[in-house]
Protein backbone atom coordinates (compact mmCIF):
# COMPACT_ATOMS: atom_id res chain seq x y z
CA UNK A 1 -4.26 28.46 -14.21
CA UNK A 2 -6.29 27.02 -16.98
CA UNK A 3 -7.68 23.54 -16.04
CA UNK A 4 -8.94 20.80 -18.37
CA UNK A 5 -11.74 18.79 -16.84
CA UNK A 6 -10.91 14.93 -17.23
CA UNK A 7 -14.05 13.44 -14.98
CA UNK A 8 -17.04 14.88 -13.06
CA UNK A 9 -18.95 13.14 -10.53
CA UNK A 10 -22.46 14.29 -9.96
CA UNK A 11 -23.56 14.96 -6.21
CA UNK A 12 -26.62 16.20 -6.80
CA UNK A 13 -28.44 18.13 -9.43
CA UNK A 14 -26.58 21.53 -8.02
CA UNK A 15 -23.44 19.90 -7.03
CA UNK A 16 -20.86 18.27 -8.45
CA UNK A 17 -16.82 17.14 -8.04
CA UNK A 18 -14.90 18.42 -10.92
CA UNK A 19 -11.38 16.24 -11.68
CA UNK A 20 -9.08 18.41 -13.56
CA UNK A 21 -5.53 18.95 -14.48
CA UNK A 22 -3.72 22.19 -15.33
CA UNK A 23 -0.22 24.04 -15.27
CA UNK A 24 1.32 26.65 -13.11
CA UNK A 25 4.42 28.23 -13.21
CA UNK A 26 5.59 25.35 -15.39
CA UNK A 27 4.45 22.81 -12.95
CA UNK A 28 1.56 20.36 -13.61
CA UNK A 29 -1.39 20.03 -11.25
CA UNK A 30 -4.16 17.68 -10.18
CA UNK A 31 -7.54 19.56 -9.01
CA UNK A 32 -10.44 17.67 -6.97
CA UNK A 33 -12.87 20.37 -6.49
CA UNK A 34 -16.88 20.97 -5.78
CA UNK A 35 -18.26 23.05 -7.88
CA UNK A 36 -22.00 24.59 -7.81
CA UNK A 37 -24.70 25.27 -10.06
CA UNK A 38 -25.77 29.15 -9.72
CA UNK A 39 -29.14 29.89 -9.58
CA UNK A 40 -29.01 32.79 -11.81
CA UNK A 41 -27.58 31.42 -14.89
CA UNK A 42 -27.12 27.74 -14.25
CA UNK A 43 -23.39 27.89 -14.61
CA UNK A 44 -21.22 25.99 -12.59
CA UNK A 45 -18.53 27.75 -10.41
CA UNK A 46 -16.09 26.39 -7.62
CA UNK A 47 -15.87 26.53 -4.37
CA UNK A 48 -13.12 26.46 -1.80
CA UNK A 49 -13.87 23.05 -0.94
CA UNK A 50 -11.35 20.61 -2.89
CA UNK A 51 -7.60 20.00 -2.93
CA UNK A 52 -4.80 20.66 -5.53
CA UNK A 53 -1.46 19.21 -5.61
CA UNK A 54 1.39 18.60 -7.98
CA UNK A 55 1.00 15.28 -10.26
CA UNK A 56 4.00 13.99 -9.05
CA UNK A 57 2.12 12.82 -5.73
CA UNK A 58 -0.71 11.25 -7.82
CA UNK A 59 0.58 7.75 -7.82
CA UNK A 60 0.65 8.33 -3.65
CA UNK A 61 -2.85 9.84 -3.99
CA UNK A 62 -4.02 6.82 -5.83
CA UNK A 63 -2.05 4.20 -3.10
CA UNK A 64 -4.29 6.36 -0.32
CA UNK A 65 -7.63 5.84 -2.11
CA UNK A 66 -6.68 2.21 -2.87
CA UNK A 67 -6.41 2.00 1.36
CA UNK A 68 -9.65 3.74 1.57
CA UNK A 69 -11.36 1.44 -0.46
CA UNK A 70 -10.14 -1.47 1.25
CA UNK A 71 -10.93 0.30 4.49
CA UNK A 72 -14.86 0.73 3.46
CA UNK A 73 -15.18 -2.28 2.09
CA UNK A 74 -14.10 -4.06 5.20
CA UNK A 75 -16.38 -1.82 7.42
CA UNK A 76 -19.25 -2.53 5.20
């Protein structure tokens, strides 16, 4: 699956979260994946840490993120 990165979140100088979209077997997917920078050539490589789901679940995922934001702000 060829992916198009739409956003990056820097965790530190050697790790970042890449948010991307792609198509596989005629279905569109969203992917949230941790990438690391290699010491050898400085290129970004994906880890197994992350989630991929069909974009048809994106609205529900965003509702979950909103609920998480509420819970975190109540505990702050």
